Amino acid sequence: MKQPVFLETAPIFRSFDEKKARAFYIDWLGFEVAFQHRVTADAPLYIGLQRDGLVLHLSEHHGDATPGSTAFVRMKGIKEFHAEIIGRPYANNRPGLDRMPWGLQVEVIDPFGNRLRFSE
């Protein structure tokens, strides 16, 4: 019997404002747009983002996700990542590089209350 193979995980975060989402995820955190979809021009946006193997989806659709969710992201190169995002101006986040029992961690909070906990 053939075993299943899981290829990627894409947490879905609720978002409410496309301009704020792009400023946070693309301009500040360095994600790229993999795809975006609207049923009509005035419909809510569903957008896929990616960066170096990390995939996230943002949805303006009611019921797709709960605001204030958290994704825990294991990574390598957290010191360099921290220096990179601290080096770009973003008025609403100045995350620290914290030592936790499981390793180093950088936590950022998006404009919609969702948290990304990057950990090495």
PDB file of N, CA and C in Angstrom:
ATOM      1  N   MET A   1       0.838  -1.186   0.000  1.00  0.00           N
ATOM      2  CA  MET A   1       0.000   0.000   0.000  1.00  0.00           C
ATOM      3  C   MET A   1       0.883   1.250   0.000  1.00  0.00           C
ATOM      4  N   LYS A   2       0.576   2.165  -0.887  1.00  0.00           N
ATOM      5  CA  LYS A   2       1.354   3.398  -1.013  1.00  0.00           C
ATOM      6  C   LYS A   2       1.052   4.328   0.172  1.00  0.00           C
ATOM      7  N   GLN A   3       2.112   4.873   0.755  1.00  0.00           N
ATOM      8  CA  GLN A   3       1.972   5.781   1.892  1.00  0.00           C
ATOM      9  C   GLN A   3       1.761   7.211   1.408  1.00  0.00           C
ATOM     10  N   PRO A   4       0.987   8.005   2.150  1.00  0.00           N
ATOM     11  CA  PRO A   4       0.816   9.404   1.758  1.00  0.00           C
ATOM     12  C   PRO A   4       2.126  10.179   1.894  1.00  0.00           C
ATOM     13  N   VAL A   5       2.253  11.204   1.094  1.00  0.00           N
ATOM     14  CA  VAL A   5       3.402  12.102   1.143  1.00  0.00           C
ATOM     15  C   VAL A   5       2.862  13.519   1.289  1.00  0.00           C
ATOM     16  N   PHE A   6       3.247  14.188   2.350  1.00  0.00           N
ATOM     17  CA  PHE A   6       2.817  15.563   2.578  1.00  0.00           C
ATOM     18  C   PHE A   6       3.869  16.507   2.003  1.00  0.00           C
ATOM     19  N   LEU A   7       3.459  17.454   1.185  1.00  0.00           N
ATOM     20  CA  LEU A   7       4.405  18.292   0.462  1.00  0.00           C
ATOM     21  C   LEU A   7       4.667  19.647   1.108  1.00  0.00           C
ATOM     22  N   GLU A   8       3.668  20.255   1.682  1.00  0.00           N
ATOM     23  CA  GLU A   8       3.889  21.535   2.358  1.00  0.00           C
ATOM     24  C   GLU A   8       2.697  21.851   3.250  1.00  0.00           C
ATOM     25  N   THR A   9       2.925  22.742   4.183  1.00  0.00           N
ATOM     26  CA  THR A   9       1.867  23.270   5.034  1.00  0.00           C
ATOM     27  C   THR A   9       1.720  24.740   4.714  1.00  0.00           C
ATOM     28  N   ALA A  10       0.488  25.203   4.618  1.00  0.00           N
ATOM     29  CA  ALA A  10       0.241  26.622   4.350  1.00  0.00           C
ATOM     30  C   ALA A  10      -0.780  27.143   5.355  1.00  0.00           C
ATOM     31  N   PRO A  11      -0.302  27.664   6.494  1.00  0.00           N
ATOM     32  CA  PRO A  11      -1.243  28.266   7.434  1.00  0.00           C
ATOM     33  C   PRO A  11      -2.019  29.388   6.743  1.00  0.00           C
ATOM     34  N   ILE A  12      -3.286  29.511   7.081  1.00  0.00           N
ATOM     35  CA  ILE A  12      -4.119  30.586   6.541  1.00  0.00           C
ATOM     36  C   ILE A  12      -4.361  31.586   7.667  1.00  0.00           C
ATOM     37  N   PHE A  13      -3.972  32.826   7.436  1.00  0.00           N
ATOM     38  CA  PHE A  13      -4.210  33.907   8.382  1.00  0.00           C
ATOM     39  C   PHE A  13      -5.309  34.808   7.851  1.00  0.00           C
ATOM     40  N   ARG A  14      -6.153  35.280   8.738  1.00  0.00           N
ATOM     41  CA  ARG A  14      -7.197  36.223   8.375  1.00  0.00           C
ATOM     42  C   ARG A  14      -6.560  37.588   8.212  1.00  0.00           C
ATOM     43  N   SER A  15      -6.975  38.300   7.187  1.00  0.00           N
ATOM     44  CA  SER A  15      -6.476  39.639   6.919  1.00  0.00           C
ATOM     45  C   SER A  15      -7.662  40.524   6.553  1.00  0.00           C
ATOM     46  N   PHE A  16      -7.518  41.819   6.792  1.00  0.00           N
ATOM     47  CA  PHE A  16      -8.628  42.745   6.576  1.00  0.00           C
ATOM     48  C   PHE A  16      -8.293  43.919   5.672  1.00  0.00           C
ATOM     49  N   ASP A  17      -7.021  44.099   5.350  1.00  0.00           N
ATOM     50  CA  ASP A  17      -6.599  45.286   4.617  1.00  0.00           C
ATOM     51  C   ASP A  17      -5.410  44.915   3.732  1.00  0.00           C
ATOM     52  N   GLU A  18      -5.630  44.888   2.434  1.00  0.00           N
ATOM     53  CA  GLU A  18      -4.590  44.454   1.497  1.00  0.00           C
ATOM     54  C   GLU A  18      -3.333  45.312   1.594  1.00  0.00           C
ATOM     55  N   LYS A  19      -3.486  46.617   1.687  1.00  0.00           N
ATOM     56  CA  LYS A  19      -2.325  47.511   1.736  1.00  0.00           C
ATOM     57  C   LYS A  19      -1.468  47.218   2.978  1.00  0.00           C
ATOM     58  N   LYS A  20      -2.102  47.054   4.125  1.00  0.00           N
ATOM     59  CA  LYS A  20      -1.364  46.746   5.357  1.00  0.00           C
ATOM     60  C   LYS A  20      -0.709  45.367   5.277  1.00  0.00           C
ATOM     61  N   ALA A  21      -1.420  44.406   4.711  1.00  0.00           N
ATOM     62  CA  ALA A  21      -0.870  43.053   4.576  1.00  0.00           C
ATOM     63  C   ALA A  21       0.373  43.064   3.689  1.00  0.00           C
ATOM     64  N   ARG A  22       0.312  43.763   2.563  1.00  0.00           N
ATOM     65  CA  ARG A  22       1.468  43.823   1.656  1.00  0.00           C
ATOM     66  C   ARG A  22       2.648  44.539   2.311  1.00  0.00           C
ATOM     67  N   ALA A  23       2.386  45.619   3.036  1.00  0.00           N
ATOM     68  CA  ALA A  23       3.467  46.345   3.716  1.00  0.00           C
ATOM     69  C   ALA A  23       4.165  45.451   4.738  1.00  0.00           C
ATOM     70  N   PHE A  24       3.396  44.651   5.457  1.00  0.00           N
ATOM     71  CA  PHE A  24       3.960  43.786   6.487  1.00  0.00           C
ATOM     72  C   PHE A  24       4.679  42.574   5.899  1.00  0.00           C
ATOM     73  N   TYR A  25       3.976  41.798   5.102  1.00  0.00           N
ATOM     74  CA  TYR A  25       4.506  40.518   4.625  1.00  0.00           C
ATOM     75  C   TYR A  25       5.499  40.650   3.470  1.00  0.00           C
ATOM     76  N   ILE A  26       5.246  41.550   2.548  1.00  0.00           N
ATOM     77  CA  ILE A  26       6.106  41.662   1.363  1.00  0.00           C
ATOM     78  C   ILE A  26       7.223  42.682   1.600  1.00  0.00           C
ATOM     79  N   ASP A  27       6.834  43.903   1.946  1.00  0.00           N
ATOM     80  CA  ASP A  27       7.832  44.964   2.100  1.00  0.00           C
ATOM     81  C   ASP A  27       8.741  44.746   3.303  1.00  0.00           C
ATOM     82  N   TRP A  28       8.179  44.283   4.434  1.00  0.00           N
ATOM     83  CA  TRP A  28       8.986  44.151   5.645  1.00  0.00           C
ATOM     84  C   TRP A  28       9.586  42.757   5.805  1.00  0.00           C
ATOM     85  N   LEU A  29       8.769  41.708   5.726  1.00  0.00           N
ATOM     86  CA  LEU A  29       9.284  40.358   5.963  1.00  0.00           C
ATOM     87  C   LEU A  29       9.920  39.716   4.735  1.00  0.00           C
ATOM     88  N   GLY A  30       9.717  40.295   3.552  1.00  0.00           N
ATOM     89  CA  GLY A  30      10.404  39.804   2.366  1.00  0.00           C
ATOM     90  C   GLY A  30       9.744  38.642   1.638  1.00  0.00           C
ATOM     91  N   PHE A  31       8.459  38.425   1.873  1.00  0.00           N
ATOM     92  CA  PHE A  31       7.742  37.384   1.138  1.00  0.00           C
ATOM     93  C   PHE A  31       7.484  37.836  -0.289  1.00  0.00           C
ATOM     94  N   GLU A  32       7.242  36.854  -1.162  1.00  0.00           N
ATOM     95  CA  GLU A  32       6.848  37.125  -2.549  1.00  0.00           C
ATOM     96  C   GLU A  32       5.442  36.577  -2.756  1.00  0.00           C
ATOM     97  N   VAL A  33       4.712  37.178  -3.678  1.00  0.00           N
ATOM     98  CA  VAL A  33       3.372  36.712  -4.005  1.00  0.00           C
ATOM     99  C   VAL A  33       3.489  35.490  -4.918  1.00  0.00           C
ATOM    100  N   ALA A  34       2.920  34.368  -4.489  1.00  0.00           N
ATOM    101  CA  ALA A  34       2.889  33.155  -5.306  1.00  0.00           C
ATOM    102  C   ALA A  34       1.650  33.163  -6.196  1.00  0.00           C
ATOM    103  N   PHE A  35       0.542  33.644  -5.649  1.00  0.00           N
ATOM    104  CA  PHE A  35      -0.704  33.773  -6.407  1.00  0.00           C
ATOM    105  C   PHE A  35      -1.631  34.697  -5.639  1.00  0.00           C
ATOM    106  N   GLN A  36      -2.616  35.208  -6.326  1.00  0.00           N
ATOM    107  CA  GLN A  36      -3.685  35.966  -5.668  1.00  0.00           C
ATOM    108  C   GLN A  36      -4.976  35.738  -6.432  1.00  0.00           C
ATOM    109  N   HIS A  37      -6.087  35.780  -5.703  1.00  0.00           N
ATOM    110  CA  HIS A  37      -7.368  35.457  -6.324  1.00  0.00           C
ATOM    111  C   HIS A  37      -8.487  36.288  -5.710  1.00  0.00           C
ATOM    112  N   ARG A  38      -9.332  36.800  -6.601  1.00  0.00           N
ATOM    113  CA  ARG A  38     -10.598  37.433  -6.230  1.00  0.00           C
ATOM    114  C   ARG A  38     -11.636  36.903  -7.207  1.00  0.00           C
ATOM    115  N   VAL A  39     -12.810  36.588  -6.722  1.00  0.00           N
ATOM    116  CA  VAL A  39     -13.879  36.113  -7.600  1.00  0.00           C
ATOM    117  C   VAL A  39     -14.308  37.231  -8.543  1.00  0.00           C
ATOM    118  N   THR A  40     -14.414  38.437  -8.005  1.00  0.00           N
ATOM    119  CA  THR A  40     -14.692  39.640  -8.794  1.00  0.00           C
ATOM    120  C   THR A  40     -13.769  40.742  -8.288  1.00  0.00           C
ATOM    121  N   ALA A  41     -13.691  41.841  -9.005  1.00  0.00           N
ATOM    122  CA  ALA A  41     -12.760  42.917  -8.653  1.00  0.00           C
ATOM    123  C   ALA A  41     -13.006  43.487  -7.256  1.00  0.00           C
ATOM    124  N   ASP A  42     -14.241  43.446  -6.784  1.00  0.00           N
ATOM    125  CA  ASP A  42     -14.554  44.010  -5.461  1.00  0.00           C
ATOM    126  C   ASP A  42     -14.713  42.926  -4.390  1.00  0.00           C
ATOM    127  N   ALA A  43     -14.378  41.684  -4.715  1.00  0.00           N
ATOM    128  CA  ALA A  43     -14.492  40.572  -3.764  1.00  0.00           C
ATOM    129  C   ALA A  43     -13.288  40.543  -2.826  1.00  0.00           C
ATOM    130  N   PRO A  44     -13.406  39.836  -1.701  1.00  0.00           N
ATOM    131  CA  PRO A  44     -12.268  39.693  -0.791  1.00  0.00           C
ATOM    132  C   PRO A  44     -11.085  39.021  -1.473  1.00  0.00           C
ATOM    133  N   LEU A  45      -9.890  39.385  -1.029  1.00  0.00           N
ATOM    134  CA  LEU A  45      -8.647  38.865  -1.584  1.00  0.00           C
ATOM    135  C   LEU A  45      -8.221  37.588  -0.862  1.00  0.00           C
ATOM    136  N   TYR A  46      -7.753  36.611  -1.634  1.00  0.00           N
ATOM    137  CA  TYR A  46      -7.073  35.425  -1.099  1.00  0.00           C
ATOM    138  C   TYR A  46      -5.713  35.415  -1.783  1.00  0.00           C
ATOM    139  N   ILE A  47      -4.654  35.418  -0.974  1.00  0.00           N
ATOM    140  CA  ILE A  47      -3.313  35.557  -1.540  1.00  0.00           C
ATOM    141  C   ILE A  47      -2.369  34.522  -0.932  1.00  0.00           C
ATOM    142  N   GLY A  48      -1.535  33.930  -1.779  1.00  0.00           N
ATOM    143  CA  GLY A  48      -0.512  32.996  -1.332  1.00  0.00           C
ATOM    144  C   GLY A  48       0.840  33.679  -1.339  1.00  0.00           C
ATOM    145  N   LEU A  49       1.584  33.519  -0.253  1.00  0.00           N
ATOM    146  CA  LEU A  49       2.901  34.132  -0.110  1.00  0.00           C
ATOM    147  C   LEU A  49       3.936  33.045   0.113  1.00  0.00           C
ATOM    148  N   GLN A  50       5.166  33.320  -0.301  1.00  0.00           N
ATOM    149  CA  GLN A  50       6.245  32.357  -0.074  1.00  0.00           C
ATOM    150  C   GLN A  50       7.566  33.079   0.142  1.00  0.00           C
ATOM    151  N   ARG A  51       8.390  32.426   0.935  1.00  0.00           N
ATOM    152  CA  ARG A  51       9.758  32.905   1.134  1.00  0.00           C
ATOM    153  C   ARG A  51      10.616  31.731   1.576  1.00  0.00           C
ATOM    154  N   ASP A  52      11.590  31.367   0.770  1.00  0.00           N
ATOM    155  CA  ASP A  52      12.595  30.368   1.132  1.00  0.00           C
ATOM    156  C   ASP A  52      11.985  29.101   1.730  1.00  0.00           C
ATOM    157  N   GLY A  53      10.942  28.577   1.112  1.00  0.00           N
ATOM    158  CA  GLY A  53      10.324  27.335   1.568  1.00  0.00           C
ATOM    159  C   GLY A  53       9.152  27.518   2.519  1.00  0.00           C
ATOM    160  N   LEU A  54       8.965  28.712   3.050  1.00  0.00           N
ATOM    161  CA  LEU A  54       7.830  28.992   3.929  1.00  0.00           C
ATOM    162  C   LEU A  54       6.665  29.486   3.088  1.00  0.00           C
ATOM    163  N   VAL A  55       5.505  28.870   3.260  1.00  0.00           N
ATOM    164  CA  VAL A  55       4.306  29.227   2.512  1.00  0.00           C
ATOM    165  C   VAL A  55       3.233  29.681   3.492  1.00  0.00           C
ATOM    166  N   LEU A  56       2.627  30.830   3.217  1.00  0.00           N
ATOM    167  CA  LEU A  56       1.512  31.357   4.006  1.00  0.00           C
ATOM    168  C   LEU A  56       0.397  31.784   3.073  1.00  0.00           C
ATOM    169  N   HIS A  57      -0.815  31.655   3.522  1.00  0.00           N
ATOM    170  CA  HIS A  57      -1.963  32.180   2.794  1.00  0.00           C
ATOM    171  C   HIS A  57      -2.641  33.217   3.667  1.00  0.00           C
ATOM    172  N   LEU A  58      -3.070  34.308   3.045  1.00  0.00           N
ATOM    173  CA  LEU A  58      -3.841  35.344   3.725  1.00  0.00           C
ATOM    174  C   LEU A  58      -5.209  35.411   3.074  1.00  0.00           C
ATOM    175  N   SER A  59      -6.244  35.515   3.897  1.00  0.00           N
ATOM    176  CA  SER A  59      -7.597  35.538   3.362  1.00  0.00           C
ATOM    177  C   SER A  59      -8.411  36.656   3.989  1.00  0.00           C
ATOM    178  N   GLU A  60      -9.094  37.402   3.132  1.00  0.00           N
ATOM    179  CA  GLU A  60     -10.052  38.405   3.593  1.00  0.00           C
ATOM    180  C   GLU A  60     -11.457  37.810   3.697  1.00  0.00           C
ATOM    181  N   HIS A  61     -11.595  36.525   3.365  1.00  0.00           N
ATOM    182  CA  HIS A  61     -12.910  35.876   3.381  1.00  0.00           C
ATOM    183  C   HIS A  61     -13.340  35.551   4.805  1.00  0.00           C
ATOM    184  N   HIS A  62     -14.543  35.976   5.165  1.00  0.00           N
ATOM    185  CA  HIS A  62     -15.108  35.663   6.471  1.00  0.00           C
ATOM    186  C   HIS A  62     -15.197  34.153   6.635  1.00  0.00           C
ATOM    187  N   GLY A  63     -14.727  33.646   7.745  1.00  0.00           N
ATOM    188  CA  GLY A  63     -14.822  32.225   8.029  1.00  0.00           C
ATOM    189  C   GLY A  63     -13.626  31.406   7.597  1.00  0.00           C
ATOM    190  N   ASP A  64     -12.699  31.968   6.818  1.00  0.00           N
ATOM    191  CA  ASP A  64     -11.525  31.203   6.395  1.00  0.00           C
ATOM    192  C   ASP A  64     -10.531  30.979   7.531  1.00  0.00           C
ATOM    193  N   ALA A  65     -10.409  31.930   8.413  1.00  0.00           N
ATOM    194  CA  ALA A  65      -9.447  31.829   9.508  1.00  0.00           C
ATOM    195  C   ALA A  65      -9.879  32.762  10.628  1.00  0.00           C
ATOM    196  N   THR A  66      -9.273  32.566  11.781  1.00  0.00           N
ATOM    197  CA  THR A  66      -9.595  33.373  12.946  1.00  0.00           C
ATOM    198  C   THR A  66      -8.497  34.395  13.183  1.00  0.00           C
ATOM    199  N   PRO A  67      -8.834  35.667  13.292  1.00  0.00           N
ATOM    200  CA  PRO A  67      -7.809  36.664  13.613  1.00  0.00           C
ATOM    201  C   PRO A  67      -7.147  36.318  14.948  1.00  0.00           C
ATOM    202  N   GLY A  68      -5.876  36.588  15.049  1.00  0.00           N
ATOM    203  CA  GLY A  68      -5.153  36.324  16.287  1.00  0.00           C
ATOM    204  C   GLY A  68      -4.564  34.931  16.350  1.00  0.00           C
ATOM    205  N   SER A  69      -4.391  34.279  15.218  1.00  0.00           N
ATOM    206  CA  SER A  69      -3.799  32.944  15.174  1.00  0.00           C
ATOM    207  C   SER A  69      -2.275  33.028  15.250  1.00  0.00           C
ATOM    208  N   THR A  70      -1.632  31.885  15.486  1.00  0.00           N
ATOM    209  CA  THR A  70      -0.177  31.823  15.594  1.00  0.00           C
ATOM    210  C   THR A  70       0.355  30.678  14.748  1.00  0.00           C
ATOM    211  N   ALA A  71       1.470  30.932  14.060  1.00  0.00           N
ATOM    212  CA  ALA A  71       2.201  29.877  13.359  1.00  0.00           C
ATOM    213  C   ALA A  71       3.612  29.825  13.937  1.00  0.00           C
ATOM    214  N   PHE A  72       4.062  28.638  14.277  1.00  0.00           N
ATOM    215  CA  PHE A  72       5.414  28.409  14.785  1.00  0.00           C
ATOM    216  C   PHE A  72       6.254  27.919  13.619  1.00  0.00           C
ATOM    217  N   VAL A  73       7.322  28.645  13.300  1.00  0.00           N
ATOM    218  CA  VAL A  73       8.131  28.359  12.115  1.00  0.00           C
ATOM    219  C   VAL A  73       9.553  28.011  12.538  1.00  0.00           C
ATOM    220  N   ARG A  74       9.945  26.765  12.336  1.00  0.00           N
ATOM    221  CA  ARG A  74      11.336  26.375  12.577  1.00  0.00           C
ATOM    222  C   ARG A  74      12.171  26.824  11.388  1.00  0.00           C
ATOM    223  N   MET A  75      13.361  27.330  11.683  1.00  0.00           N
ATOM    224  CA  MET A  75      14.194  27.861  10.609  1.00  0.00           C
ATOM    225  C   MET A  75      15.662  27.770  10.985  1.00  0.00           C
ATOM    226  N   LYS A  76      16.521  28.077  10.026  1.00  0.00           N
ATOM    227  CA  LYS A  76      17.956  28.240  10.246  1.00  0.00           C
ATOM    228  C   LYS A  76      18.317  29.646   9.800  1.00  0.00           C
ATOM    229  N   GLY A  77      19.319  30.227  10.432  1.00  0.00           N
ATOM    230  CA  GLY A  77      19.743  31.576  10.078  1.00  0.00           C
ATOM    231  C   GLY A  77      18.912  32.659  10.740  1.00  0.00           C
ATOM    232  N   ILE A  78      18.446  32.403  11.941  1.00  0.00           N
ATOM    233  CA  ILE A  78      17.543  33.355  12.599  1.00  0.00           C
ATOM    234  C   ILE A  78      18.242  34.675  12.942  1.00  0.00           C
ATOM    235  N   LYS A  79      19.516  34.636  13.279  1.00  0.00           N
ATOM    236  CA  LYS A  79      20.240  35.881  13.588  1.00  0.00           C
ATOM    237  C   LYS A  79      20.296  36.780  12.355  1.00  0.00           C
ATOM    238  N   GLU A  80      20.563  36.189  11.202  1.00  0.00           N
ATOM    239  CA  GLU A  80      20.610  36.957   9.960  1.00  0.00           C
ATOM    240  C   GLU A  80      19.219  37.482   9.583  1.00  0.00           C
ATOM    241  N   PHE A  81      18.199  36.637   9.764  1.00  0.00           N
ATOM    242  CA  PHE A  81      16.824  37.052   9.496  1.00  0.00           C
ATOM    243  C   PHE A  81      16.429  38.221  10.404  1.00  0.00           C
ATOM    244  N   HIS A  82      16.765  38.123  11.678  1.00  0.00           N
ATOM    245  CA  HIS A  82      16.455  39.198  12.623  1.00  0.00           C
ATOM    246  C   HIS A  82      17.146  40.498  12.206  1.00  0.00           C
ATOM    247  N   ALA A  83      18.425  40.424  11.867  1.00  0.00           N
ATOM    248  CA  ALA A  83      19.164  41.622  11.434  1.00  0.00           C
ATOM    249  C   ALA A  83      18.533  42.216  10.174  1.00  0.00           C
ATOM    250  N   GLU A  84      18.097  41.356   9.257  1.00  0.00           N
ATOM    251  CA  GLU A  84      17.470  41.813   8.016  1.00  0.00           C
ATOM    252  C   GLU A  84      16.198  42.608   8.288  1.00  0.00           C
ATOM    253  N   ILE A  85      15.297  42.061   9.106  1.00  0.00           N
ATOM    254  CA  ILE A  85      14.023  42.768   9.314  1.00  0.00           C
ATOM    255  C   ILE A  85      14.180  43.989  10.215  1.00  0.00           C
ATOM    256  N   ILE A  86      15.115  43.943  11.146  1.00  0.00           N
ATOM    257  CA  ILE A  86      15.380  45.120  11.978  1.00  0.00           C
ATOM    258  C   ILE A  86      15.981  46.239  11.126  1.00  0.00           C
ATOM    259  N   GLY A  87      16.701  45.860  10.074  1.00  0.00           N
ATOM    260  CA  GLY A  87      17.330  46.833   9.179  1.00  0.00           C
ATOM    261  C   GLY A  87      16.365  47.538   8.241  1.00  0.00           C
ATOM    262  N   ARG A  88      15.157  47.019   8.125  1.00  0.00           N
ATOM    263  CA  ARG A  88      14.129  47.668   7.294  1.00  0.00           C
ATOM    264  C   ARG A  88      13.162  48.401   8.205  1.00  0.00           C
ATOM    265  N   PRO A  89      12.795  49.615   7.871  1.00  0.00           N
ATOM    266  CA  PRO A  89      11.880  50.347   8.744  1.00  0.00           C
ATOM    267  C   PRO A  89      10.460  49.778   8.691  1.00  0.00           C
ATOM    268  N   TYR A  90       9.904  49.512   9.854  1.00  0.00           N
ATOM    269  CA  TYR A  90       8.501  49.125   9.989  1.00  0.00           C
ATOM    270  C   TYR A  90       8.057  49.646  11.346  1.00  0.00           C
ATOM    271  N   ALA A  91       7.196  50.635  11.345  1.00  0.00           N
ATOM    272  CA  ALA A  91       6.853  51.373  12.560  1.00  0.00           C
ATOM    273  C   ALA A  91       6.186  50.532  13.636  1.00  0.00           C
ATOM    274  N   ASN A  92       5.493  49.463  13.266  1.00  0.00           N
ATOM    275  CA  ASN A  92       4.677  48.742  14.238  1.00  0.00           C
ATOM    276  C   ASN A  92       5.322  47.497  14.833  1.00  0.00           C
ATOM    277  N   ASN A  93       6.538  47.164  14.448  1.00  0.00           N
ATOM    278  CA  ASN A  93       7.223  45.982  14.989  1.00  0.00           C
ATOM    279  C   ASN A  93       8.710  46.256  15.105  1.00  0.00           C
ATOM    280  N   ARG A  94       9.273  45.982  16.245  1.00  0.00           N
ATOM    281  CA  ARG A  94      10.716  45.980  16.474  1.00  0.00           C
ATOM    282  C   ARG A  94      11.012  44.746  17.311  1.00  0.00           C
ATOM    283  N   PRO A  95      10.922  43.554  16.715  1.00  0.00           N
ATOM    284  CA  PRO A  95      11.042  42.332  17.505  1.00  0.00           C
ATOM    285  C   PRO A  95      12.451  42.106  18.027  1.00  0.00           C
ATOM    286  N   GLY A  96      12.506  41.496  19.190  1.00  0.00           N
ATOM    287  CA  GLY A  96      13.787  41.110  19.754  1.00  0.00           C
ATOM    288  C   GLY A  96      14.186  39.730  19.284  1.00  0.00           C
ATOM    289  N   LEU A  97      15.396  39.379  19.585  1.00  0.00           N
ATOM    290  CA  LEU A  97      15.903  38.026  19.360  1.00  0.00           C
ATOM    291  C   LEU A  97      15.999  37.413  20.748  1.00  0.00           C
ATOM    292  N   ASP A  98      15.045  36.562  21.072  1.00  0.00           N
ATOM    293  CA  ASP A  98      14.907  36.055  22.436  1.00  0.00           C
ATOM    294  C   ASP A  98      15.412  34.628  22.564  1.00  0.00           C
ATOM    295  N   ARG A  99      16.064  34.340  23.679  1.00  0.00           N
ATOM    296  CA  ARG A  99      16.492  32.970  23.967  1.00  0.00           C
ATOM    297  C   ARG A  99      15.363  32.300  24.747  1.00  0.00           C
ATOM    298  N   MET A 100      14.866  31.202  24.183  1.00  0.00           N
ATOM    299  CA  MET A 100      13.798  30.434  24.803  1.00  0.00           C
ATOM    300  C   MET A 100      14.347  29.046  25.133  1.00  0.00           C
ATOM    301  N   PRO A 101      13.637  28.254  25.935  1.00  0.00           N
ATOM    302  CA  PRO A 101      14.137  26.909  26.249  1.00  0.00           C
ATOM    303  C   PRO A 101      14.380  26.048  25.003  1.00  0.00           C
ATOM    304  N   TRP A 102      13.659  26.303  23.911  1.00  0.00           N
ATOM    305  CA  TRP A 102      13.791  25.514  22.678  1.00  0.00           C
ATOM    306  C   TRP A 102      14.742  26.153  21.671  1.00  0.00           C
ATOM    307  N   GLY A 103      15.311  27.322  21.986  1.00  0.00           N
ATOM    308  CA  GLY A 103      16.263  27.959  21.088  1.00  0.00           C
ATOM    309  C   GLY A 103      15.993  29.445  20.946  1.00  0.00           C
ATOM    310  N   LEU A 104      16.584  30.054  19.921  1.00  0.00           N
ATOM    311  CA  LEU A 104      16.372  31.475  19.663  1.00  0.00           C
ATOM    312  C   LEU A 104      15.029  31.679  18.974  1.00  0.00           C
ATOM    313  N   GLN A 105      14.384  32.793  19.290  1.00  0.00           N
ATOM    314  CA  GLN A 105      13.062  33.060  18.717  1.00  0.00           C
ATOM    315  C   GLN A 105      12.903  34.539  18.388  1.00  0.00           C
ATOM    316  N   VAL A 106      12.263  34.798  17.253  1.00  0.00           N
ATOM    317  CA  VAL A 106      11.842  36.131  16.845  1.00  0.00           C
ATOM    318  C   VAL A 106      10.341  36.042  16.605  1.00  0.00           C
ATOM    319  N   GLU A 107       9.574  36.845  17.328  1.00  0.00           N
ATOM    320  CA  GLU A 107       8.123  36.839  17.148  1.00  0.00           C
ATOM    321  C   GLU A 107       7.673  38.162  16.563  1.00  0.00           C
ATOM    322  N   VAL A 108       6.873  38.084  15.498  1.00  0.00           N
ATOM    323  CA  VAL A 108       6.304  39.284  14.886  1.00  0.00           C
ATOM    324  C   VAL A 108       4.784  39.138  14.890  1.00  0.00           C
ATOM    325  N   ILE A 109       4.113  40.271  14.976  1.00  0.00           N
ATOM    326  CA  ILE A 109       2.650  40.292  14.996  1.00  0.00           C
ATOM    327  C   ILE A 109       2.183  41.135  13.823  1.00  0.00           C
ATOM    328  N   ASP A 110       1.354  40.548  12.973  1.00  0.00           N
ATOM    329  CA  ASP A 110       0.882  41.278  11.796  1.00  0.00           C
ATOM    330  C   ASP A 110      -0.200  42.287  12.173  1.00  0.00           C
ATOM    331  N   PRO A 111      -0.622  43.138  11.241  1.00  0.00           N
ATOM    332  CA  PRO A 111      -1.602  44.181  11.554  1.00  0.00           C
ATOM    333  C   PRO A 111      -2.977  43.646  11.964  1.00  0.00           C
ATOM    334  N   PHE A 112      -3.187  42.336  11.865  1.00  0.00           N
ATOM    335  CA  PHE A 112      -4.479  41.735  12.158  1.00  0.00           C
ATOM    336  C   PHE A 112      -4.442  40.867  13.403  1.00  0.00           C
ATOM    337  N   GLY A 113      -3.339  40.946  14.143  1.00  0.00           N
ATOM    338  CA  GLY A 113      -3.191  40.216  15.401  1.00  0.00           C
ATOM    339  C   GLY A 113      -2.647  38.811  15.263  1.00  0.00           C
ATOM    340  N   ASN A 114      -2.276  38.393  14.054  1.00  0.00           N
ATOM    341  CA  ASN A 114      -1.693  37.069  13.850  1.00  0.00           C
ATOM    342  C   ASN A 114      -0.209  37.105  14.203  1.00  0.00           C
ATOM    343  N   ARG A 115       0.283  36.012  14.775  1.00  0.00           N
ATOM    344  CA  ARG A 115       1.680  35.933  15.206  1.00  0.00           C
ATOM    345  C   ARG A 115       2.441  34.909  14.384  1.00  0.00           C
ATOM    346  N   LEU A 116       3.659  35.272  14.044  1.00  0.00           N
ATOM    347  CA  LEU A 116       4.618  34.334  13.462  1.00  0.00           C
ATOM    348  C   LEU A 116       5.757  34.216  14.440  1.00  0.00           C
ATOM    349  N   ARG A 117       5.996  33.009  14.936  1.00  0.00           N
ATOM    350  CA  ARG A 117       7.098  32.749  15.850  1.00  0.00           C
ATOM    351  C   ARG A 117       8.171  31.978  15.098  1.00  0.00           C
ATOM    352  N   PHE A 118       9.217  32.687  14.721  1.00  0.00           N
ATOM    353  CA  PHE A 118      10.347  32.087  14.033  1.00  0.00           C
ATOM    354  C   PHE A 118      11.305  31.557  15.085  1.00  0.00           C
ATOM    355  N   SER A 119      11.747  30.310  14.950  1.00  0.00           N
ATOM    356  CA  SER A 119      12.569  29.700  15.981  1.00  0.00           C
ATOM    357  C   SER A 119      13.696  28.865  15.374  1.00  0.00           C
ATOM    358  N   GLU A 120      14.870  28.977  15.997  1.00  0.00           N
ATOM    359  CA  GLU A 120      16.007  28.137  15.605  1.00  0.00           C
ATOM    360  C   GLU A 120      16.559  27.484  16.852  1.00  0.00           C
TER     361      GLU A 120
END
